[in-house]
Amino acid sequence: MNACTRCGSFAINPAWHGRDDSDLDLCDVCYWRGRAERRLSILLDISMIRPGHPGCGDLSREQRVWADFEAEIQRAAKGE
């Protein structure tokens, strides 16, 4: 039995709670926390590129952020 590489827990159940076969080194909590943190990071990036915000203006950065956002929306729609 392996321990989670992030927190040390032994609650690694890859077939439970809607998990896929990725991140098998993470426990169930850290698996879902990692996905939530990734989505939060994208939302924070999006909040920085709204019109009138001083962080706005880098078109290539804006395009990358929106591409990441769209990819996460597609993953969420599939239930990942």
C-alpha atoms as a PDB file:
ATOM      1  CA  MET A   1       0.000   0.000   0.000  1.00  0.00           C
ATOM      2  CA  ASN A   2       1.410   3.380  -1.015  1.00  0.00           C
ATOM      3  CA  ALA A   3       1.124   6.683   0.813  1.00  0.00           C
ATOM      4  CA  CYS A   4      -0.042   9.893  -0.852  1.00  0.00           C
ATOM      5  CA  THR A   5       2.941  11.924  -2.054  1.00  0.00           C
ATOM      6  CA  ARG A   6       1.248  15.158  -1.009  1.00  0.00           C
ATOM      7  CA  CYS A   7      -0.098  14.433   2.503  1.00  0.00           C
ATOM      8  CA  GLY A   8       0.990  10.910   3.462  1.00  0.00           C
ATOM      9  CA  SER A   9      -2.525   9.442   3.654  1.00  0.00           C
ATOM     10  CA  PHE A  10      -3.148   5.860   2.594  1.00  0.00           C
ATOM     11  CA  ALA A  11      -6.662   6.624   1.247  1.00  0.00           C
ATOM     12  CA  ILE A  12      -5.770   6.068  -2.405  1.00  0.00           C
ATOM     13  CA  ASN A  13      -8.845   4.630  -4.122  1.00  0.00           C
ATOM     14  CA  PRO A  14      -8.461   5.185  -7.881  1.00  0.00           C
ATOM     15  CA  ALA A  15     -11.733   3.439  -8.760  1.00  0.00           C
ATOM     16  CA  TRP A  16     -13.871   5.421  -6.290  1.00  0.00           C
ATOM     17  CA  HIS A  17     -15.479   8.863  -6.260  1.00  0.00           C
ATOM     18  CA  GLY A  18     -15.337   9.422 -10.020  1.00  0.00           C
ATOM     19  CA  ARG A  19     -11.553   9.336 -10.278  1.00  0.00           C
ATOM     20  CA  ASP A  20      -9.844   8.483 -13.526  1.00  0.00           C
ATOM     21  CA  ASP A  21      -6.528   6.639 -13.791  1.00  0.00           C
ATOM     22  CA  SER A  22      -4.369   9.746 -13.406  1.00  0.00           C
ATOM     23  CA  ASP A  23      -2.445  10.960 -10.350  1.00  0.00           C
ATOM     24  CA  LEU A  24      -2.361   7.519  -8.746  1.00  0.00           C
ATOM     25  CA  ASP A  25       0.199   8.833  -6.252  1.00  0.00           C
ATOM     26  CA  LEU A  26      -2.442  11.108  -4.627  1.00  0.00           C
ATOM     27  CA  CYS A  27      -5.092  10.208  -2.063  1.00  0.00           C
ATOM     28  CA  ASP A  28      -8.726  10.938  -2.887  1.00  0.00           C
ATOM     29  CA  VAL A  29      -8.735  14.312  -1.093  1.00  0.00           C
ATOM     30  CA  CYS A  30      -5.502  15.535  -2.698  1.00  0.00           C
ATOM     31  CA  TYR A  31      -6.654  14.298  -6.111  1.00  0.00           C
ATOM     32  CA  TRP A  32      -9.785  16.474  -6.006  1.00  0.00           C
ATOM     33  CA  ARG A  33      -8.016  19.336  -4.235  1.00  0.00           C
ATOM     34  CA  GLY A  34      -5.484  19.451  -7.080  1.00  0.00           C
ATOM     35  CA  ARG A  35      -8.245  19.737  -9.655  1.00  0.00           C
ATOM     36  CA  ALA A  36     -10.002  22.463  -7.669  1.00  0.00           C
ATOM     37  CA  GLU A  37      -6.742  24.400  -7.251  1.00  0.00           C
ATOM     38  CA  ARG A  38      -6.063  24.218 -10.983  1.00  0.00           C
ATOM     39  CA  ARG A  39      -9.524  25.595 -11.758  1.00  0.00           C
ATOM     40  CA  LEU A  40      -9.173  28.306  -9.108  1.00  0.00           C
ATOM     41  CA  SER A  41      -5.832  29.334 -10.595  1.00  0.00           C
ATOM     42  CA  ILE A  42      -7.424  29.709 -14.020  1.00  0.00           C
ATOM     43  CA  LEU A  43     -10.298  31.754 -12.592  1.00  0.00           C
ATOM     44  CA  LEU A  44      -7.832  34.031 -10.793  1.00  0.00           C
ATOM     45  CA  ASP A  45      -5.935  34.521 -14.065  1.00  0.00           C
ATOM     46  CA  ILE A  46      -9.182  35.388 -15.814  1.00  0.00           C
ATOM     47  CA  SER A  47     -10.014  37.964 -13.158  1.00  0.00           C
ATOM     48  CA  MET A  48      -6.714  39.696 -13.956  1.00  0.00           C
ATOM     49  CA  ILE A  49      -7.444  40.196 -17.667  1.00  0.00           C
ATOM     50  CA  ARG A  50     -10.777  41.962 -17.435  1.00  0.00           C
ATOM     51  CA  PRO A  51     -10.960  45.315 -19.242  1.00  0.00           C
ATOM     52  CA  GLY A  52      -9.649  48.196 -17.188  1.00  0.00           C
ATOM     53  CA  HIS A  53      -7.507  46.032 -14.921  1.00  0.00           C
ATOM     54  CA  PRO A  54      -3.832  47.087 -14.818  1.00  0.00           C
ATOM     55  CA  GLY A  55      -2.737  43.494 -15.562  1.00  0.00           C
ATOM     56  CA  CYS A  56      -4.545  43.628 -18.906  1.00  0.00           C
ATOM     57  CA  GLY A  57      -2.839  44.218 -22.218  1.00  0.00           C
ATOM     58  CA  ASP A  58      -0.732  41.165 -22.981  1.00  0.00           C
ATOM     59  CA  LEU A  59      -2.745  39.602 -25.806  1.00  0.00           C
ATOM     60  CA  SER A  60      -0.777  36.341 -25.939  1.00  0.00           C
ATOM     61  CA  ARG A  61      -1.213  35.901 -22.173  1.00  0.00           C
ATOM     62  CA  GLU A  62      -4.932  36.564 -22.489  1.00  0.00           C
ATOM     63  CA  GLN A  63      -5.209  33.991 -25.277  1.00  0.00           C
ATOM     64  CA  ARG A  64      -3.364  31.375 -23.182  1.00  0.00           C
ATOM     65  CA  VAL A  65      -5.587  32.016 -20.167  1.00  0.00           C
ATOM     66  CA  TRP A  66      -8.770  31.738 -22.226  1.00  0.00           C
ATOM     67  CA  ALA A  67      -7.502  28.531 -23.861  1.00  0.00           C
ATOM     68  CA  ASP A  68      -6.826  27.060 -20.389  1.00  0.00           C
ATOM     69  CA  PHE A  69     -10.271  28.195 -19.245  1.00  0.00           C
ATOM     70  CA  GLU A  70     -12.020  26.602 -22.212  1.00  0.00           C
ATOM     71  CA  ALA A  71     -10.099  23.347 -21.695  1.00  0.00           C
ATOM     72  CA  GLU A  72     -11.154  23.237 -18.024  1.00  0.00           C
ATOM     73  CA  ILE A  73     -14.777  23.918 -18.951  1.00  0.00           C
ATOM     74  CA  GLN A  74     -14.662  20.995 -21.395  1.00  0.00           C
ATOM     75  CA  ARG A  75     -13.112  18.732 -18.727  1.00  0.00           C
ATOM     76  CA  ALA A  76     -15.769  19.775 -16.211  1.00  0.00           C
ATOM     77  CA  ALA A  77     -18.530  19.104 -18.740  1.00  0.00           C
ATOM     78  CA  LYS A  78     -17.173  15.566 -19.173  1.00  0.00           C
ATOM     79  CA  GLY A  79     -17.140  15.120 -15.394  1.00  0.00           C
ATOM     80  CA  GLU A  80     -13.379  14.960 -14.993  1.00  0.00           C
END
